[in-house]
N, C-alpha and C. Protein backbone atom coordinates (compact mmCIF):
# COMPACT_ATOMS: atom_id res chain seq x y z
N UNK A 1 -19.39 31.05 -23.81
CA UNK A 1 -19.38 29.63 -24.05
C UNK A 1 -19.66 28.89 -22.75
N UNK A 2 -20.51 27.92 -22.79
CA UNK A 2 -20.88 27.14 -21.61
C UNK A 2 -19.94 25.95 -21.47
N UNK A 3 -19.15 25.91 -20.36
CA UNK A 3 -18.20 24.82 -20.13
C UNK A 3 -18.80 23.69 -19.31
N UNK A 4 -20.06 23.80 -18.96
CA UNK A 4 -20.70 22.74 -18.19
C UNK A 4 -20.88 21.52 -19.08
N UNK A 5 -20.37 20.36 -18.61
CA UNK A 5 -20.50 19.16 -19.44
C UNK A 5 -21.95 18.72 -19.58
N UNK A 6 -22.25 18.10 -20.69
CA UNK A 6 -23.57 17.54 -20.93
C UNK A 6 -23.61 16.12 -20.40
N UNK A 7 -24.52 15.82 -19.52
CA UNK A 7 -24.63 14.49 -18.95
C UNK A 7 -25.66 13.67 -19.71
N UNK A 8 -25.34 12.41 -19.89
CA UNK A 8 -26.27 11.50 -20.55
C UNK A 8 -27.16 10.90 -19.48
N UNK A 9 -28.45 11.07 -19.62
CA UNK A 9 -29.40 10.54 -18.64
C UNK A 9 -29.45 9.03 -18.68
N UNK A 10 -29.81 8.44 -17.57
CA UNK A 10 -29.92 6.99 -17.47
C UNK A 10 -30.97 6.49 -18.48
N UNK A 11 -30.63 5.44 -19.20
CA UNK A 11 -31.58 4.83 -20.13
C UNK A 11 -31.67 5.52 -21.48
N UNK A 12 -30.78 6.46 -21.74
CA UNK A 12 -30.79 7.12 -23.05
C UNK A 12 -29.56 6.67 -23.82
N UNK A 13 -29.73 6.41 -25.06
CA UNK A 13 -28.62 5.99 -25.90
C UNK A 13 -28.72 6.68 -27.24
N UNK A 14 -27.64 6.58 -27.97
CA UNK A 14 -27.60 7.18 -29.30
C UNK A 14 -27.31 6.07 -30.29
N UNK A 15 -28.28 5.71 -31.09
CA UNK A 15 -28.14 4.64 -32.07
C UNK A 15 -28.40 5.24 -33.45
N UNK A 16 -27.41 5.09 -34.33
CA UNK A 16 -27.59 5.63 -35.68
C UNK A 16 -27.70 4.49 -36.70
N UNK A 17 -27.84 4.85 -37.96
CA UNK A 17 -28.02 3.85 -39.01
C UNK A 17 -26.82 2.92 -39.13
N UNK A 18 -25.61 3.43 -38.88
CA UNK A 18 -24.41 2.60 -38.93
C UNK A 18 -24.50 1.48 -37.87
N UNK A 19 -24.99 1.82 -36.68
CA UNK A 19 -25.16 0.82 -35.62
C UNK A 19 -26.19 -0.23 -36.04
N UNK A 20 -27.29 0.20 -36.58
CA UNK A 20 -28.35 -0.72 -37.01
C UNK A 20 -27.84 -1.64 -38.11
N UNK A 21 -27.09 -1.10 -39.05
CA UNK A 21 -26.53 -1.91 -40.14
C UNK A 21 -25.56 -2.95 -39.60
N UNK A 22 -24.74 -2.58 -38.62
CA UNK A 22 -23.78 -3.52 -38.03
C UNK A 22 -24.51 -4.68 -37.35
N UNK A 23 -25.59 -4.39 -36.66
CA UNK A 23 -26.38 -5.45 -36.01
C UNK A 23 -27.01 -6.35 -37.06
N UNK A 24 -27.56 -5.77 -38.09
CA UNK A 24 -28.16 -6.57 -39.17
C UNK A 24 -27.12 -7.47 -39.85
N UNK A 25 -25.91 -6.96 -40.03
CA UNK A 25 -24.84 -7.78 -40.62
C UNK A 25 -24.59 -9.03 -39.78
N UNK A 26 -24.56 -8.87 -38.46
CA UNK A 26 -24.35 -10.01 -37.57
C UNK A 26 -25.55 -10.95 -37.63
N UNK A 27 -26.75 -10.40 -37.56
CA UNK A 27 -27.95 -11.24 -37.60
C UNK A 27 -28.06 -12.03 -38.90
N UNK A 28 -27.58 -11.47 -39.98
CA UNK A 28 -27.63 -12.15 -41.28
C UNK A 28 -26.39 -13.00 -41.55
N UNK A 29 -25.42 -12.97 -40.63
CA UNK A 29 -24.17 -13.70 -40.82
C UNK A 29 -24.23 -15.12 -40.28
N UNK A 30 -23.07 -15.77 -40.26
CA UNK A 30 -22.97 -17.16 -39.81
C UNK A 30 -22.88 -17.31 -38.29
N UNK A 31 -22.46 -16.26 -37.59
CA UNK A 31 -22.25 -16.32 -36.15
C UNK A 31 -23.13 -15.29 -35.45
N UNK A 32 -23.99 -15.77 -34.57
CA UNK A 32 -24.86 -14.83 -33.85
C UNK A 32 -24.25 -14.40 -32.52
N UNK A 33 -23.68 -15.34 -31.78
CA UNK A 33 -23.20 -15.01 -30.44
C UNK A 33 -21.69 -15.12 -30.28
N UNK A 34 -21.00 -15.61 -31.27
CA UNK A 34 -19.55 -15.74 -31.21
C UNK A 34 -19.00 -15.39 -32.58
N UNK A 35 -17.71 -15.56 -32.75
CA UNK A 35 -17.14 -15.38 -34.07
C UNK A 35 -16.29 -14.14 -34.21
N UNK A 36 -15.97 -13.78 -35.45
CA UNK A 36 -14.99 -12.72 -35.71
C UNK A 36 -15.43 -11.33 -35.26
N UNK A 37 -16.71 -11.06 -35.23
CA UNK A 37 -17.16 -9.73 -34.80
C UNK A 37 -16.87 -9.54 -33.32
N UNK A 38 -17.06 -10.58 -32.52
CA UNK A 38 -16.76 -10.50 -31.09
C UNK A 38 -15.27 -10.27 -30.88
N UNK A 39 -14.45 -11.00 -31.62
CA UNK A 39 -13.00 -10.83 -31.51
C UNK A 39 -12.58 -9.41 -31.90
N UNK A 40 -13.15 -8.88 -32.95
CA UNK A 40 -12.85 -7.50 -33.36
C UNK A 40 -13.30 -6.51 -32.29
N UNK A 41 -14.48 -6.75 -31.72
CA UNK A 41 -14.99 -5.88 -30.66
C UNK A 41 -14.04 -5.90 -29.46
N UNK A 42 -13.62 -7.09 -29.02
CA UNK A 42 -12.71 -7.20 -27.88
C UNK A 42 -11.39 -6.46 -28.15
N UNK A 43 -10.86 -6.62 -29.34
CA UNK A 43 -9.62 -5.93 -29.70
C UNK A 43 -9.78 -4.42 -29.71
N UNK A 44 -10.88 -3.96 -30.29
CA UNK A 44 -11.13 -2.51 -30.35
C UNK A 44 -11.37 -1.94 -28.96
N UNK A 45 -12.08 -2.68 -28.11
CA UNK A 45 -12.33 -2.22 -26.74
C UNK A 45 -11.04 -2.15 -25.95
N UNK A 46 -10.21 -3.18 -26.04
CA UNK A 46 -8.92 -3.17 -25.34
C UNK A 46 -8.09 -1.97 -25.76
N UNK A 47 -8.06 -1.71 -27.06
CA UNK A 47 -7.30 -0.56 -27.56
C UNK A 47 -7.89 0.75 -27.04
N UNK A 48 -9.21 0.85 -27.05
CA UNK A 48 -9.89 2.08 -26.62
C UNK A 48 -9.58 2.43 -25.17
N UNK A 49 -9.54 1.41 -24.31
CA UNK A 49 -9.34 1.68 -22.87
C UNK A 49 -7.90 1.50 -22.43
N UNK A 50 -7.01 1.17 -23.37
CA UNK A 50 -5.60 1.04 -23.04
C UNK A 50 -5.27 -0.23 -22.27
N UNK A 51 -6.03 -1.30 -22.51
CA UNK A 51 -5.80 -2.57 -21.82
C UNK A 51 -5.11 -3.54 -22.76
N UNK A 52 -4.43 -4.51 -22.19
CA UNK A 52 -3.79 -5.55 -23.00
C UNK A 52 -4.83 -6.47 -23.60
N UNK A 53 -5.90 -6.78 -22.82
CA UNK A 53 -6.95 -7.68 -23.26
C UNK A 53 -8.32 -7.12 -22.87
N UNK A 54 -9.33 -7.59 -23.55
CA UNK A 54 -10.72 -7.33 -23.17
C UNK A 54 -11.51 -8.60 -23.45
N UNK A 55 -12.46 -8.89 -22.60
CA UNK A 55 -13.29 -10.08 -22.76
C UNK A 55 -14.74 -9.64 -22.80
N UNK A 56 -15.42 -9.92 -23.89
CA UNK A 56 -16.84 -9.58 -24.01
C UNK A 56 -17.67 -10.55 -23.18
N UNK A 57 -18.65 -10.01 -22.50
CA UNK A 57 -19.58 -10.82 -21.69
C UNK A 57 -21.00 -10.51 -22.16
N UNK A 58 -21.93 -11.32 -21.72
CA UNK A 58 -23.32 -11.12 -22.12
C UNK A 58 -23.91 -9.85 -21.53
N UNK A 59 -23.37 -9.40 -20.41
CA UNK A 59 -23.87 -8.17 -19.77
C UNK A 59 -22.89 -7.74 -18.69
N UNK A 60 -23.14 -6.59 -18.09
CA UNK A 60 -22.27 -6.07 -17.05
C UNK A 60 -22.23 -6.94 -15.81
N UNK A 61 -23.36 -7.55 -15.46
CA UNK A 61 -23.40 -8.43 -14.30
C UNK A 61 -22.41 -9.58 -14.47
N UNK A 62 -22.42 -10.20 -15.65
CA UNK A 62 -21.50 -11.30 -15.92
C UNK A 62 -20.05 -10.81 -15.88
N UNK A 63 -19.80 -9.63 -16.39
CA UNK A 63 -18.45 -9.08 -16.37
C UNK A 63 -17.95 -8.84 -14.96
N UNK A 64 -18.80 -8.29 -14.11
CA UNK A 64 -18.41 -8.07 -12.71
C UNK A 64 -18.19 -9.39 -11.98
N UNK A 65 -19.05 -10.37 -12.25
CA UNK A 65 -18.90 -11.69 -11.64
C UNK A 65 -17.57 -12.30 -12.05
N UNK A 66 -17.26 -12.27 -13.34
CA UNK A 66 -15.99 -12.80 -13.82
C UNK A 66 -14.79 -12.06 -13.22
N UNK A 67 -14.95 -10.76 -13.01
CA UNK A 67 -13.87 -9.98 -12.40
C UNK A 67 -13.60 -10.45 -10.97
N UNK A 68 -14.66 -10.73 -10.22
CA UNK A 68 -14.49 -11.25 -8.85
C UNK A 68 -13.83 -12.62 -8.88
N UNK A 69 -14.24 -13.46 -9.82
CA UNK A 69 -13.62 -14.79 -9.94
C UNK A 69 -12.14 -14.66 -10.33
N UNK A 70 -11.84 -13.79 -11.27
CA UNK A 70 -10.46 -13.60 -11.72
C UNK A 70 -9.58 -13.04 -10.60
N UNK A 71 -10.16 -12.25 -9.72
CA UNK A 71 -9.41 -11.68 -8.59
C UNK A 71 -9.19 -12.71 -7.48
N UNK A 72 -9.77 -13.90 -7.64
CA UNK A 72 -9.61 -14.99 -6.69
C UNK A 72 -10.06 -14.58 -5.28
N UNK A 73 -11.18 -13.88 -5.22
CA UNK A 73 -11.75 -13.48 -3.94
C UNK A 73 -12.42 -14.68 -3.28
N UNK A 74 -12.06 -14.95 -2.07
CA UNK A 74 -12.49 -16.17 -1.38
C UNK A 74 -13.86 -16.00 -0.73
N UNK A 75 -14.64 -17.10 -0.64
CA UNK A 75 -15.90 -17.06 0.12
C UNK A 75 -15.63 -16.62 1.55
N UNK A 76 -16.50 -15.77 2.06
CA UNK A 76 -16.35 -15.25 3.41
C UNK A 76 -15.54 -13.97 3.50
N UNK A 77 -14.84 -13.61 2.41
CA UNK A 77 -14.14 -12.33 2.41
C UNK A 77 -15.18 -11.21 2.26
N UNK A 78 -14.74 -9.98 2.43
CA UNK A 78 -15.67 -8.85 2.44
C UNK A 78 -15.38 -7.88 1.30
N UNK A 79 -16.46 -7.42 0.69
CA UNK A 79 -16.37 -6.38 -0.33
C UNK A 79 -17.30 -5.25 0.02
N UNK A 80 -16.99 -4.08 -0.51
CA UNK A 80 -17.82 -2.91 -0.24
C UNK A 80 -18.08 -2.19 -1.56
N UNK A 81 -19.31 -1.72 -1.71
CA UNK A 81 -19.70 -0.95 -2.88
C UNK A 81 -20.65 0.15 -2.44
N UNK A 82 -21.21 0.84 -3.39
CA UNK A 82 -22.08 1.97 -3.09
C UNK A 82 -23.56 1.58 -3.12
N UNK A 83 -24.36 2.36 -2.44
CA UNK A 83 -25.80 2.13 -2.42
C UNK A 83 -26.47 2.57 -3.71
N UNK A 84 -25.83 3.46 -4.44
CA UNK A 84 -26.43 4.03 -5.65
C UNK A 84 -25.91 3.26 -6.87
N UNK A 85 -26.56 2.15 -7.17
CA UNK A 85 -26.12 1.33 -8.29
C UNK A 85 -27.17 0.28 -8.61
N UNK A 86 -26.95 -0.41 -9.69
CA UNK A 86 -27.74 -1.57 -10.06
C UNK A 86 -27.32 -2.71 -9.13
N UNK A 87 -28.19 -3.66 -8.92
CA UNK A 87 -27.93 -4.77 -7.99
C UNK A 87 -26.66 -5.55 -8.33
N UNK A 88 -26.24 -5.56 -9.57
CA UNK A 88 -25.07 -6.33 -9.99
C UNK A 88 -23.81 -5.94 -9.25
N UNK A 89 -23.70 -4.68 -8.84
CA UNK A 89 -22.50 -4.23 -8.14
C UNK A 89 -22.30 -4.98 -6.83
N UNK A 90 -23.38 -5.34 -6.18
CA UNK A 90 -23.29 -6.15 -4.95
C UNK A 90 -23.43 -7.64 -5.27
N UNK A 91 -24.29 -7.97 -6.21
CA UNK A 91 -24.54 -9.38 -6.53
C UNK A 91 -23.29 -10.11 -6.99
N UNK A 92 -22.39 -9.44 -7.71
CA UNK A 92 -21.18 -10.12 -8.18
C UNK A 92 -20.38 -10.66 -7.00
N UNK A 93 -20.44 -9.97 -5.87
CA UNK A 93 -19.75 -10.45 -4.67
C UNK A 93 -20.54 -11.59 -4.03
N UNK A 94 -21.85 -11.45 -4.01
CA UNK A 94 -22.69 -12.51 -3.43
C UNK A 94 -22.56 -13.80 -4.21
N UNK A 95 -22.42 -13.70 -5.54
CA UNK A 95 -22.26 -14.89 -6.38
C UNK A 95 -21.00 -15.67 -6.01
N UNK A 96 -20.00 -14.96 -5.50
CA UNK A 96 -18.74 -15.61 -5.11
C UNK A 96 -18.70 -15.85 -3.59
N UNK A 97 -19.87 -15.75 -2.96
CA UNK A 97 -20.06 -16.03 -1.54
C UNK A 97 -19.26 -15.09 -0.62
N UNK A 98 -19.11 -13.86 -1.06
CA UNK A 98 -18.47 -12.84 -0.25
C UNK A 98 -19.53 -12.16 0.62
N UNK A 99 -19.08 -11.51 1.67
CA UNK A 99 -19.93 -10.63 2.46
C UNK A 99 -19.90 -9.26 1.79
N UNK A 100 -21.04 -8.58 1.77
CA UNK A 100 -21.14 -7.29 1.08
C UNK A 100 -21.58 -6.22 2.06
N UNK A 101 -20.84 -5.13 2.07
CA UNK A 101 -21.24 -3.95 2.82
C UNK A 101 -21.49 -2.82 1.82
N UNK A 102 -22.40 -1.91 2.20
CA UNK A 102 -22.76 -0.80 1.33
C UNK A 102 -22.41 0.52 2.01
N UNK A 103 -21.86 1.43 1.23
CA UNK A 103 -21.57 2.78 1.72
C UNK A 103 -22.38 3.78 0.92
N UNK A 104 -22.62 4.92 1.52
CA UNK A 104 -23.40 5.97 0.87
C UNK A 104 -22.58 6.63 -0.23
N UNK A 105 -23.24 7.50 -0.97
CA UNK A 105 -22.61 8.19 -2.09
C UNK A 105 -22.11 9.57 -1.69
N UNK A 106 -21.22 10.08 -2.50
CA UNK A 106 -20.80 11.47 -2.45
C UNK A 106 -21.83 12.24 -3.28
N UNK A 107 -22.39 13.29 -2.75
CA UNK A 107 -23.48 13.99 -3.45
C UNK A 107 -23.02 14.72 -4.71
N UNK A 108 -21.72 15.00 -4.84
CA UNK A 108 -21.23 15.69 -6.03
C UNK A 108 -20.96 14.73 -7.19
N UNK A 109 -20.31 13.60 -6.89
CA UNK A 109 -19.94 12.67 -7.95
C UNK A 109 -20.97 11.56 -8.14
N UNK A 110 -21.87 11.40 -7.20
CA UNK A 110 -22.86 10.31 -7.15
C UNK A 110 -22.15 8.96 -7.04
N UNK A 111 -20.87 8.99 -6.71
CA UNK A 111 -20.09 7.77 -6.55
C UNK A 111 -19.84 7.48 -5.08
N UNK A 112 -19.10 6.43 -4.85
CA UNK A 112 -18.74 5.99 -3.51
C UNK A 112 -18.12 7.14 -2.72
N UNK A 113 -18.64 7.40 -1.53
CA UNK A 113 -18.13 8.47 -0.68
C UNK A 113 -16.74 8.09 -0.17
N UNK A 114 -15.74 8.88 -0.53
CA UNK A 114 -14.38 8.60 -0.07
C UNK A 114 -14.25 8.84 1.43
N UNK A 115 -15.00 9.79 1.97
CA UNK A 115 -14.98 10.01 3.42
C UNK A 115 -15.49 8.79 4.15
N UNK A 116 -16.61 8.24 3.67
CA UNK A 116 -17.14 7.03 4.30
C UNK A 116 -16.20 5.84 4.10
N UNK A 117 -15.56 5.77 2.94
CA UNK A 117 -14.63 4.67 2.69
C UNK A 117 -13.45 4.72 3.65
N UNK A 118 -12.92 5.91 3.90
CA UNK A 118 -11.81 6.05 4.86
C UNK A 118 -12.22 5.56 6.23
N UNK A 119 -13.38 5.98 6.69
CA UNK A 119 -13.88 5.54 8.00
C UNK A 119 -14.11 4.04 8.03
N UNK A 120 -14.70 3.52 6.98
CA UNK A 120 -15.03 2.09 6.89
C UNK A 120 -13.76 1.24 6.98
N UNK A 121 -12.73 1.65 6.25
CA UNK A 121 -11.49 0.88 6.22
C UNK A 121 -10.80 0.86 7.58
N UNK A 122 -10.97 1.91 8.37
CA UNK A 122 -10.36 1.90 9.71
C UNK A 122 -11.10 0.95 10.65
N UNK A 123 -12.39 0.69 10.38
CA UNK A 123 -13.18 -0.22 11.21
C UNK A 123 -13.12 -1.65 10.72
N UNK A 124 -13.11 -1.84 9.41
CA UNK A 124 -13.11 -3.17 8.81
C UNK A 124 -11.96 -3.25 7.83
N UNK A 125 -11.66 -4.44 7.39
CA UNK A 125 -10.58 -4.63 6.44
C UNK A 125 -11.11 -5.37 5.22
N UNK A 126 -11.78 -4.66 4.30
CA UNK A 126 -12.36 -5.34 3.14
C UNK A 126 -11.29 -5.84 2.18
N UNK A 127 -11.62 -6.93 1.50
CA UNK A 127 -10.72 -7.47 0.49
C UNK A 127 -10.92 -6.79 -0.86
N UNK A 128 -12.13 -6.27 -1.07
CA UNK A 128 -12.50 -5.68 -2.35
C UNK A 128 -13.24 -4.36 -2.15
N UNK A 129 -12.89 -3.39 -2.96
CA UNK A 129 -13.62 -2.13 -3.02
C UNK A 129 -14.13 -2.01 -4.45
N UNK A 130 -15.44 -1.81 -4.59
CA UNK A 130 -16.05 -1.78 -5.91
C UNK A 130 -16.80 -0.46 -6.10
N UNK A 131 -16.09 0.59 -6.53
CA UNK A 131 -16.76 1.86 -6.82
C UNK A 131 -17.55 1.75 -8.13
N UNK A 132 -18.56 2.59 -8.27
CA UNK A 132 -19.41 2.57 -9.45
C UNK A 132 -19.36 3.94 -10.12
N UNK A 133 -19.08 3.94 -11.40
CA UNK A 133 -19.15 5.17 -12.20
C UNK A 133 -20.57 5.22 -12.75
N UNK A 134 -21.40 6.01 -12.11
CA UNK A 134 -22.84 5.98 -12.37
C UNK A 134 -23.27 7.14 -13.26
N UNK A 135 -24.09 6.85 -14.24
CA UNK A 135 -24.69 7.86 -15.13
C UNK A 135 -23.63 8.74 -15.80
N UNK A 136 -22.49 8.15 -16.12
CA UNK A 136 -21.44 8.90 -16.78
C UNK A 136 -20.56 9.71 -15.86
N UNK A 137 -20.79 9.64 -14.57
CA UNK A 137 -19.97 10.39 -13.61
C UNK A 137 -18.91 9.48 -13.01
N UNK A 138 -17.66 9.92 -13.03
CA UNK A 138 -16.57 9.12 -12.47
C UNK A 138 -16.60 9.19 -10.95
N UNK A 139 -16.12 8.14 -10.35
CA UNK A 139 -16.22 7.97 -8.90
C UNK A 139 -14.88 8.15 -8.20
N UNK A 140 -14.22 9.28 -8.37
CA UNK A 140 -12.99 9.60 -7.65
C UNK A 140 -11.99 8.45 -7.65
N UNK A 141 -11.71 7.90 -8.81
CA UNK A 141 -10.86 6.71 -8.94
C UNK A 141 -9.51 6.84 -8.26
N UNK A 142 -8.83 7.93 -8.50
CA UNK A 142 -7.48 8.08 -7.93
C UNK A 142 -7.50 8.06 -6.42
N UNK A 143 -8.41 8.81 -5.83
CA UNK A 143 -8.49 8.86 -4.37
C UNK A 143 -8.89 7.51 -3.80
N UNK A 144 -9.83 6.83 -4.45
CA UNK A 144 -10.27 5.51 -3.98
C UNK A 144 -9.12 4.53 -4.03
N UNK A 145 -8.32 4.55 -5.08
CA UNK A 145 -7.18 3.64 -5.18
C UNK A 145 -6.14 3.95 -4.12
N UNK A 146 -5.94 5.23 -3.81
CA UNK A 146 -5.01 5.60 -2.74
C UNK A 146 -5.50 5.08 -1.39
N UNK A 147 -6.79 5.26 -1.12
CA UNK A 147 -7.38 4.79 0.13
C UNK A 147 -7.32 3.27 0.21
N UNK A 148 -7.52 2.60 -0.91
CA UNK A 148 -7.56 1.14 -0.95
C UNK A 148 -6.22 0.52 -0.59
N UNK A 149 -5.15 1.19 -0.88
CA UNK A 149 -3.83 0.61 -0.63
C UNK A 149 -3.64 -0.66 -1.44
N UNK A 150 -3.34 -1.78 -0.78
CA UNK A 150 -3.09 -3.04 -1.49
C UNK A 150 -4.37 -3.84 -1.73
N UNK A 151 -5.51 -3.32 -1.30
CA UNK A 151 -6.77 -4.04 -1.52
C UNK A 151 -7.14 -4.05 -3.01
N UNK A 152 -7.92 -5.03 -3.40
CA UNK A 152 -8.37 -5.13 -4.79
C UNK A 152 -9.45 -4.08 -5.05
N UNK A 153 -9.33 -3.38 -6.16
CA UNK A 153 -10.36 -2.43 -6.60
C UNK A 153 -10.84 -2.88 -7.97
N UNK A 154 -12.13 -3.16 -8.07
CA UNK A 154 -12.77 -3.46 -9.34
C UNK A 154 -13.76 -2.34 -9.59
N UNK A 155 -13.58 -1.60 -10.67
CA UNK A 155 -14.45 -0.47 -10.96
C UNK A 155 -15.59 -0.89 -11.87
N UNK A 156 -16.81 -0.65 -11.42
CA UNK A 156 -18.00 -0.91 -12.22
C UNK A 156 -18.22 0.29 -13.12
N UNK A 157 -17.80 0.14 -14.38
CA UNK A 157 -17.89 1.24 -15.33
C UNK A 157 -18.95 0.97 -16.41
N UNK A 158 -19.95 0.16 -16.08
CA UNK A 158 -20.99 -0.17 -17.06
C UNK A 158 -21.74 1.07 -17.55
N UNK A 159 -21.82 2.10 -16.71
CA UNK A 159 -22.51 3.33 -17.09
C UNK A 159 -21.59 4.34 -17.76
N UNK A 160 -20.32 3.96 -17.98
CA UNK A 160 -19.39 4.96 -18.49
C UNK A 160 -18.43 4.42 -19.53
N UNK A 161 -18.79 3.32 -20.16
CA UNK A 161 -17.92 2.73 -21.17
C UNK A 161 -17.60 3.76 -22.25
N UNK A 162 -16.33 3.91 -22.51
CA UNK A 162 -15.89 4.86 -23.53
C UNK A 162 -15.63 6.25 -22.98
N UNK A 163 -15.90 6.46 -21.72
CA UNK A 163 -15.67 7.77 -21.12
C UNK A 163 -14.19 7.99 -20.83
N UNK A 164 -13.84 9.23 -20.61
CA UNK A 164 -12.47 9.58 -20.25
C UNK A 164 -12.52 10.55 -19.09
N UNK A 165 -11.55 10.41 -18.19
CA UNK A 165 -11.46 11.36 -17.10
C UNK A 165 -10.93 12.68 -17.62
N UNK A 166 -11.52 13.75 -17.15
CA UNK A 166 -10.99 15.08 -17.43
C UNK A 166 -11.28 15.93 -16.21
N UNK A 167 -10.44 16.90 -15.97
CA UNK A 167 -10.60 17.70 -14.77
C UNK A 167 -11.77 18.66 -14.95
N UNK A 168 -12.59 18.69 -13.94
CA UNK A 168 -13.73 19.60 -13.93
C UNK A 168 -14.10 19.83 -12.48
N UNK A 169 -14.30 21.02 -12.09
CA UNK A 169 -14.61 21.32 -10.70
C UNK A 169 -16.10 21.13 -10.46
N UNK A 170 -16.53 20.57 -9.32
CA UNK A 170 -15.74 20.22 -8.16
C UNK A 170 -15.25 18.78 -8.15
N UNK A 171 -15.61 17.97 -9.09
CA UNK A 171 -15.24 16.55 -9.09
C UNK A 171 -14.79 16.10 -10.46
N UNK A 172 -14.32 14.87 -10.52
CA UNK A 172 -13.98 14.26 -11.80
C UNK A 172 -15.26 13.78 -12.46
N UNK A 173 -15.36 13.95 -13.75
CA UNK A 173 -16.52 13.43 -14.48
C UNK A 173 -16.03 12.74 -15.73
N UNK A 174 -16.90 12.01 -16.36
CA UNK A 174 -16.57 11.37 -17.64
C UNK A 174 -16.94 12.30 -18.75
C-alpha cells in the first residue's frame, strides 16, 4: 500500500453535478450575492474549521485584508510572509500601510522557512507573521506560532481550505 499522500496541483479543482446544481439554485434564486445561502455557508465553514464565526468574502485577498484590519495592525508596522505565494499575502499588509518583508521557503513544506524566521526575528521585531499553506501543504504552523511568541500570526490558507493536519514525514501536510 502506498502511504504517500496525493497532492492537488495548483489550479485543479473537483466540481461535480451537486456543485453545479447548488450554483444554479443560487443563480435562479432571489439573492445572488447575499442571503441565506451565504449565512449557511458561513455557519458550515465555522463548524468545519472549529471556529466560533466565519465571514465569507469575495476572495482570499479580501479575507486577508480584513484579517489585517481586524488585527488592528498600524500603518508603519512590519509584517513578514513568504516569497512563494500569490501577491495577496503581501498586498494585504500593503493595503493597511504596513512594511512588508519576504522570507524564503522551506524546500520540504514549500512554506515559510522557520530557520529564516528565527534569524529574522532576532534582527527585526515584526508585528505580523503571515505563513502561507501553499498547494495543500501546511506551513509548520505549530513551530511558527512558537517562534512568533506574542506576535500576531495570520495564516493564509486559501490553498488549503478544508484540509487537516496529519503527521507525515518529513513535514506536516494537509
